[in-house]
């Protein structure tokens, strides 16, 4: 059974926070790492299944991207993210169905976005 381990160190003004590091582990049955290009949608309404999020229940997602993107989880309201952002979800139960667990929209008029990371679950 694959396991993902996440270690996050948090610093404020170069001083490590009192609650840092944060260390978590989640056991999953499936993990998919990928680097994809998401074409520009030129709107904020066209959402597409994230290629690496095809499992029935997503429990973890660690994604980086170079363009501003919108993400939906469980087909709910979207979360706008800035370019060069990092999205970390760990210990979740995103189970709307493989095609709508995690979807993405690239609102840019013409610039494709590069998305890299891992999605894992059962």
N, C-alpha and C. Protein backbone atom coordinates (compact mmCIF):
# COMPACT_ATOMS: atom_id res chain seq x y z
N UNK A 1 0.86 -1.18 0.00
CA UNK A 1 0.00 0.00 0.00
C UNK A 1 0.90 1.24 0.00
N UNK A 2 0.73 2.12 -0.96
CA UNK A 2 1.54 3.35 -0.98
C UNK A 2 1.22 4.25 0.21
N UNK A 3 2.20 4.99 0.63
CA UNK A 3 2.02 5.97 1.71
C UNK A 3 2.67 7.27 1.28
N UNK A 4 1.98 8.37 1.54
CA UNK A 4 2.55 9.69 1.28
C UNK A 4 2.91 10.31 2.62
N UNK A 5 4.08 10.92 2.67
CA UNK A 5 4.52 11.61 3.88
C UNK A 5 4.73 13.07 3.51
N UNK A 6 4.18 13.97 4.29
CA UNK A 6 4.28 15.40 4.05
C UNK A 6 5.01 16.03 5.24
N UNK A 7 6.04 16.81 4.94
CA UNK A 7 6.76 17.56 5.96
C UNK A 7 6.75 19.03 5.55
N UNK A 8 6.18 19.87 6.39
CA UNK A 8 6.09 21.30 6.10
C UNK A 8 6.79 22.06 7.21
N UNK A 9 7.71 22.91 6.83
CA UNK A 9 8.35 23.80 7.79
C UNK A 9 7.82 25.20 7.54
N UNK A 10 7.45 25.88 8.62
CA UNK A 10 6.88 27.22 8.52
C UNK A 10 7.82 28.20 9.23
N UNK A 11 8.19 29.27 8.51
CA UNK A 11 9.05 30.30 9.07
C UNK A 11 8.35 31.65 8.94
N UNK A 12 8.42 32.45 9.98
CA UNK A 12 7.91 33.81 9.98
C UNK A 12 9.10 34.73 10.26
N UNK A 13 9.42 35.59 9.31
CA UNK A 13 10.59 36.45 9.42
C UNK A 13 11.85 35.64 9.75
N UNK A 14 12.02 34.53 9.03
CA UNK A 14 13.18 33.65 9.17
C UNK A 14 13.28 32.93 10.51
N UNK A 15 12.22 32.93 11.30
CA UNK A 15 12.20 32.20 12.56
C UNK A 15 11.16 31.09 12.43
N UNK A 16 11.58 29.86 12.74
CA UNK A 16 10.66 28.73 12.60
C UNK A 16 9.51 28.87 13.60
N UNK A 17 8.28 28.67 13.10
CA UNK A 17 7.09 28.77 13.95
C UNK A 17 7.09 27.67 15.00
N UNK A 18 6.43 27.93 16.12
CA UNK A 18 6.42 26.99 17.24
C UNK A 18 5.75 25.67 16.89
N UNK A 19 4.86 25.66 15.94
CA UNK A 19 4.15 24.44 15.54
C UNK A 19 4.83 23.71 14.38
N UNK A 20 5.98 24.17 13.99
CA UNK A 20 6.69 23.62 12.84
C UNK A 20 7.81 22.70 13.34
N UNK A 21 8.13 21.63 12.66
CA UNK A 21 7.54 21.19 11.39
C UNK A 21 6.23 20.45 11.61
N UNK A 22 5.42 20.44 10.57
CA UNK A 22 4.19 19.66 10.55
C UNK A 22 4.50 18.40 9.75
N UNK A 23 4.29 17.24 10.36
CA UNK A 23 4.58 15.97 9.69
C UNK A 23 3.31 15.13 9.68
N UNK A 24 2.89 14.73 8.50
CA UNK A 24 1.69 13.91 8.35
C UNK A 24 1.97 12.78 7.38
N UNK A 25 1.23 11.68 7.54
CA UNK A 25 1.36 10.53 6.66
C UNK A 25 -0.04 10.02 6.36
N UNK A 26 -0.29 9.65 5.13
CA UNK A 26 -1.58 9.07 4.75
C UNK A 26 -1.31 7.83 3.90
N UNK A 27 -2.00 6.74 4.23
CA UNK A 27 -1.91 5.51 3.45
C UNK A 27 -3.00 5.52 2.39
N UNK A 28 -2.64 5.20 1.19
CA UNK A 28 -3.57 5.23 0.06
C UNK A 28 -3.43 3.93 -0.74
N UNK A 29 -4.34 3.71 -1.64
CA UNK A 29 -4.22 2.54 -2.53
C UNK A 29 -3.78 2.93 -3.92
N UNK A 30 -3.81 4.22 -4.21
CA UNK A 30 -3.45 4.69 -5.54
C UNK A 30 -2.82 6.08 -5.44
N UNK A 31 -1.72 6.27 -6.16
CA UNK A 31 -1.15 7.61 -6.25
C UNK A 31 -0.71 7.85 -7.69
N UNK A 32 -0.92 9.06 -8.16
CA UNK A 32 -0.58 9.42 -9.53
C UNK A 32 0.17 10.74 -9.53
N UNK A 33 1.39 10.69 -10.01
CA UNK A 33 2.20 11.90 -10.17
C UNK A 33 2.24 12.23 -11.64
N UNK A 34 2.17 13.51 -11.95
CA UNK A 34 2.18 13.89 -13.36
C UNK A 34 2.59 15.35 -13.52
N UNK A 35 2.96 15.67 -14.73
CA UNK A 35 3.16 17.05 -15.17
C UNK A 35 2.32 17.19 -16.43
N UNK A 36 1.37 18.10 -16.40
CA UNK A 36 0.48 18.27 -17.55
C UNK A 36 0.43 19.74 -17.96
N UNK A 37 -0.03 19.96 -19.17
CA UNK A 37 -0.32 21.31 -19.64
C UNK A 37 -1.82 21.46 -19.74
N UNK A 38 -2.34 22.49 -19.10
CA UNK A 38 -3.78 22.77 -19.15
C UNK A 38 -4.00 23.93 -20.11
N UNK A 39 -4.71 23.67 -21.18
CA UNK A 39 -4.97 24.70 -22.18
C UNK A 39 -5.77 25.85 -21.59
N UNK A 40 -5.64 27.01 -22.19
CA UNK A 40 -6.39 28.18 -21.77
C UNK A 40 -7.87 28.01 -22.08
N UNK A 41 -8.74 28.39 -21.14
CA UNK A 41 -10.19 28.31 -21.34
C UNK A 41 -10.80 29.63 -21.75
N UNK A 42 -10.12 30.75 -21.45
CA UNK A 42 -10.62 32.08 -21.77
C UNK A 42 -11.96 32.35 -21.09
N UNK A 43 -12.20 31.71 -19.92
CA UNK A 43 -13.40 31.94 -19.13
C UNK A 43 -13.18 31.38 -17.73
N UNK A 44 -14.15 31.52 -16.86
CA UNK A 44 -14.04 30.94 -15.52
C UNK A 44 -15.12 29.89 -15.29
N UNK A 45 -15.70 29.37 -16.35
CA UNK A 45 -16.81 28.42 -16.21
C UNK A 45 -16.51 27.03 -16.74
N UNK A 46 -15.48 26.85 -17.55
CA UNK A 46 -15.15 25.54 -18.12
C UNK A 46 -14.16 24.82 -17.22
N UNK A 47 -14.61 23.77 -16.56
CA UNK A 47 -13.74 23.00 -15.67
C UNK A 47 -13.49 21.63 -16.26
N UNK A 48 -12.28 21.11 -16.04
CA UNK A 48 -11.85 19.85 -16.63
C UNK A 48 -11.28 18.96 -15.54
N UNK A 49 -11.53 17.67 -15.65
CA UNK A 49 -10.99 16.72 -14.69
C UNK A 49 -9.47 16.82 -14.66
N UNK A 50 -8.91 16.90 -13.48
CA UNK A 50 -7.46 16.88 -13.34
C UNK A 50 -7.01 15.46 -13.67
N UNK A 51 -6.11 15.34 -14.64
CA UNK A 51 -5.73 14.03 -15.16
C UNK A 51 -5.22 13.07 -14.10
N UNK A 52 -4.58 13.59 -13.07
CA UNK A 52 -4.02 12.71 -12.04
C UNK A 52 -5.02 12.39 -10.92
N UNK A 53 -6.24 12.90 -11.01
CA UNK A 53 -7.24 12.71 -9.95
C UNK A 53 -8.35 11.77 -10.41
N UNK A 54 -7.99 10.56 -10.81
CA UNK A 54 -8.98 9.64 -11.35
C UNK A 54 -9.47 8.60 -10.36
N UNK A 55 -8.96 8.62 -9.12
CA UNK A 55 -9.40 7.65 -8.12
C UNK A 55 -10.78 8.04 -7.58
N UNK A 56 -11.47 7.07 -6.98
CA UNK A 56 -12.81 7.33 -6.46
C UNK A 56 -12.85 8.36 -5.35
N UNK A 57 -11.86 8.32 -4.46
CA UNK A 57 -11.77 9.27 -3.35
C UNK A 57 -10.35 9.83 -3.30
N UNK A 58 -10.22 11.13 -3.42
CA UNK A 58 -8.91 11.77 -3.32
C UNK A 58 -8.67 12.14 -1.85
N UNK A 59 -7.55 11.67 -1.31
CA UNK A 59 -7.21 11.95 0.08
C UNK A 59 -6.08 12.96 0.22
N UNK A 60 -5.30 13.12 -0.85
CA UNK A 60 -4.17 14.05 -0.80
C UNK A 60 -3.93 14.61 -2.20
N UNK A 61 -3.53 15.87 -2.24
CA UNK A 61 -3.15 16.51 -3.50
C UNK A 61 -2.07 17.53 -3.18
N UNK A 62 -0.96 17.41 -3.88
CA UNK A 62 0.13 18.38 -3.76
C UNK A 62 0.42 18.84 -5.18
N UNK A 63 0.08 20.08 -5.51
CA UNK A 63 0.17 20.58 -6.87
C UNK A 63 0.90 21.92 -6.92
N UNK A 64 1.70 22.09 -7.95
CA UNK A 64 2.31 23.38 -8.26
C UNK A 64 1.90 23.76 -9.67
N UNK A 65 1.90 25.06 -9.96
CA UNK A 65 1.44 25.52 -11.27
C UNK A 65 2.04 26.89 -11.55
N UNK A 66 2.20 27.19 -12.83
CA UNK A 66 2.88 28.44 -13.20
C UNK A 66 1.95 29.55 -13.67
N UNK A 67 0.66 29.30 -13.74
CA UNK A 67 -0.32 30.30 -14.15
C UNK A 67 -1.44 30.35 -13.12
N UNK A 68 -2.18 31.45 -13.10
CA UNK A 68 -3.35 31.55 -12.23
C UNK A 68 -4.38 30.52 -12.69
N UNK A 69 -4.92 29.75 -11.75
CA UNK A 69 -5.89 28.70 -12.07
C UNK A 69 -7.02 28.72 -11.06
N UNK A 70 -8.13 28.10 -11.44
CA UNK A 70 -9.25 27.90 -10.54
C UNK A 70 -9.41 26.39 -10.33
N UNK A 71 -9.56 25.97 -9.08
CA UNK A 71 -9.76 24.56 -8.77
C UNK A 71 -11.11 24.37 -8.11
N UNK A 72 -11.76 23.26 -8.43
CA UNK A 72 -12.99 22.86 -7.74
C UNK A 72 -12.74 21.51 -7.08
N UNK A 73 -13.31 21.34 -5.89
CA UNK A 73 -13.21 20.09 -5.16
C UNK A 73 -14.63 19.63 -4.84
N UNK A 74 -14.93 18.36 -5.09
CA UNK A 74 -16.29 17.83 -4.89
C UNK A 74 -17.33 18.62 -5.67
N UNK A 75 -16.92 19.20 -6.79
CA UNK A 75 -17.81 19.95 -7.68
C UNK A 75 -18.47 21.14 -6.97
N UNK A 76 -17.78 21.71 -5.98
CA UNK A 76 -18.31 22.86 -5.24
C UNK A 76 -17.78 24.15 -5.85
N UNK A 77 -17.94 25.25 -5.16
CA UNK A 77 -17.45 26.54 -5.63
C UNK A 77 -15.96 26.47 -5.89
N UNK A 78 -15.50 27.28 -6.83
CA UNK A 78 -14.09 27.18 -7.18
C UNK A 78 -13.21 28.03 -6.27
N UNK A 79 -11.94 27.59 -6.18
CA UNK A 79 -10.91 28.25 -5.39
C UNK A 79 -9.92 28.87 -6.37
N UNK A 80 -9.86 30.21 -6.45
CA UNK A 80 -8.89 30.84 -7.35
C UNK A 80 -7.50 30.83 -6.73
N UNK A 81 -6.51 30.44 -7.52
CA UNK A 81 -5.12 30.38 -7.05
C UNK A 81 -4.26 31.25 -7.96
N UNK A 82 -3.28 31.93 -7.38
CA UNK A 82 -2.38 32.78 -8.13
C UNK A 82 -1.31 31.96 -8.84
N UNK A 83 -0.70 32.56 -9.86
CA UNK A 83 0.40 31.94 -10.57
C UNK A 83 1.53 31.61 -9.60
N UNK A 84 2.23 30.53 -9.88
CA UNK A 84 3.34 30.05 -9.07
C UNK A 84 2.90 29.65 -7.66
N UNK A 85 1.67 29.25 -7.53
CA UNK A 85 1.14 28.82 -6.24
C UNK A 85 1.45 27.36 -5.95
N UNK A 86 1.18 26.99 -4.72
CA UNK A 86 1.31 25.60 -4.28
C UNK A 86 0.00 25.26 -3.58
N UNK A 87 -0.60 24.15 -3.96
CA UNK A 87 -1.84 23.70 -3.36
C UNK A 87 -1.56 22.40 -2.63
N UNK A 88 -1.83 22.37 -1.32
CA UNK A 88 -1.60 21.17 -0.53
C UNK A 88 -2.88 20.81 0.20
N UNK A 89 -3.38 19.62 -0.08
CA UNK A 89 -4.53 19.06 0.62
C UNK A 89 -4.06 17.71 1.13
N UNK A 90 -4.21 17.46 2.41
CA UNK A 90 -3.68 16.23 2.98
C UNK A 90 -4.63 15.74 4.06
N UNK A 91 -5.10 14.51 3.95
CA UNK A 91 -6.04 13.95 4.91
C UNK A 91 -7.47 14.30 4.58
N UNK A 92 -7.78 14.44 3.31
CA UNK A 92 -9.13 14.83 2.88
C UNK A 92 -9.96 13.60 2.51
N UNK A 93 -11.22 13.83 2.19
CA UNK A 93 -12.14 12.79 1.72
C UNK A 93 -12.95 13.40 0.59
N UNK A 94 -12.29 13.64 -0.54
CA UNK A 94 -12.93 14.27 -1.70
C UNK A 94 -13.51 13.15 -2.55
N UNK A 95 -14.82 12.98 -2.48
CA UNK A 95 -15.44 11.80 -3.09
C UNK A 95 -16.71 12.11 -3.87
N UNK A 96 -16.64 13.09 -4.76
CA UNK A 96 -17.81 13.42 -5.58
C UNK A 96 -17.91 12.52 -6.80
N UNK A 97 -16.92 11.70 -7.02
CA UNK A 97 -16.84 10.86 -8.22
C UNK A 97 -15.59 11.24 -8.99
N UNK A 98 -14.94 10.27 -9.59
CA UNK A 98 -13.64 10.49 -10.21
C UNK A 98 -13.61 11.66 -11.18
N UNK A 99 -14.69 11.90 -11.90
CA UNK A 99 -14.66 12.96 -12.92
C UNK A 99 -14.84 14.36 -12.33
N UNK A 100 -15.31 14.46 -11.07
CA UNK A 100 -15.53 15.79 -10.48
C UNK A 100 -14.84 15.97 -9.13
N UNK A 101 -14.02 15.02 -8.69
CA UNK A 101 -13.31 15.18 -7.41
C UNK A 101 -12.47 16.44 -7.41
N UNK A 102 -11.56 16.54 -8.38
CA UNK A 102 -10.72 17.73 -8.51
C UNK A 102 -10.74 18.15 -9.97
N UNK A 103 -11.27 19.33 -10.22
CA UNK A 103 -11.32 19.85 -11.59
C UNK A 103 -10.60 21.19 -11.63
N UNK A 104 -10.17 21.56 -12.83
CA UNK A 104 -9.35 22.76 -12.98
C UNK A 104 -9.85 23.60 -14.15
N UNK A 105 -9.71 24.90 -14.01
CA UNK A 105 -10.05 25.86 -15.06
C UNK A 105 -8.87 26.81 -15.22
N UNK A 106 -8.47 27.03 -16.46
CA UNK A 106 -7.42 28.00 -16.76
C UNK A 106 -8.09 29.22 -17.39
N UNK A 107 -8.30 30.30 -16.63
CA UNK A 107 -9.05 31.44 -17.14
C UNK A 107 -8.30 32.30 -18.15
N UNK A 108 -7.04 31.99 -18.41
CA UNK A 108 -6.24 32.79 -19.34
C UNK A 108 -6.84 32.77 -20.74
N UNK A 109 -6.58 33.83 -21.49
CA UNK A 109 -7.09 33.92 -22.86
C UNK A 109 -6.31 33.01 -23.81
N UNK A 110 -5.00 32.87 -23.61
CA UNK A 110 -4.23 32.09 -24.56
C UNK A 110 -3.05 31.32 -23.97
N UNK A 111 -2.71 31.52 -22.71
CA UNK A 111 -1.52 30.90 -22.13
C UNK A 111 -1.86 29.60 -21.43
N UNK A 112 -1.24 28.51 -21.88
CA UNK A 112 -1.42 27.21 -21.22
C UNK A 112 -0.72 27.24 -19.87
N UNK A 113 -1.22 26.44 -18.93
CA UNK A 113 -0.63 26.34 -17.59
C UNK A 113 0.04 24.99 -17.43
N UNK A 114 1.18 24.98 -16.78
CA UNK A 114 1.89 23.75 -16.44
C UNK A 114 1.54 23.39 -15.00
N UNK A 115 1.01 22.19 -14.81
CA UNK A 115 0.61 21.70 -13.48
C UNK A 115 1.42 20.45 -13.19
N UNK A 116 2.09 20.44 -12.05
CA UNK A 116 2.88 19.27 -11.65
C UNK A 116 2.51 18.90 -10.23
N UNK A 117 2.55 17.60 -9.95
CA UNK A 117 2.31 17.18 -8.59
C UNK A 117 1.79 15.77 -8.49
N UNK A 118 1.23 15.47 -7.32
CA UNK A 118 0.73 14.12 -6.99
C UNK A 118 -0.66 14.23 -6.41
N UNK A 119 -1.52 13.33 -6.83
CA UNK A 119 -2.84 13.16 -6.22
C UNK A 119 -2.92 11.71 -5.80
N UNK A 120 -3.44 11.47 -4.59
CA UNK A 120 -3.49 10.09 -4.08
C UNK A 120 -4.79 9.86 -3.33
N UNK A 121 -5.20 8.61 -3.30
CA UNK A 121 -6.43 8.26 -2.59
C UNK A 121 -6.77 6.80 -2.74
N UNK A 122 -8.06 6.52 -2.70
CA UNK A 122 -8.53 5.15 -2.79
C UNK A 122 -9.54 5.00 -3.90
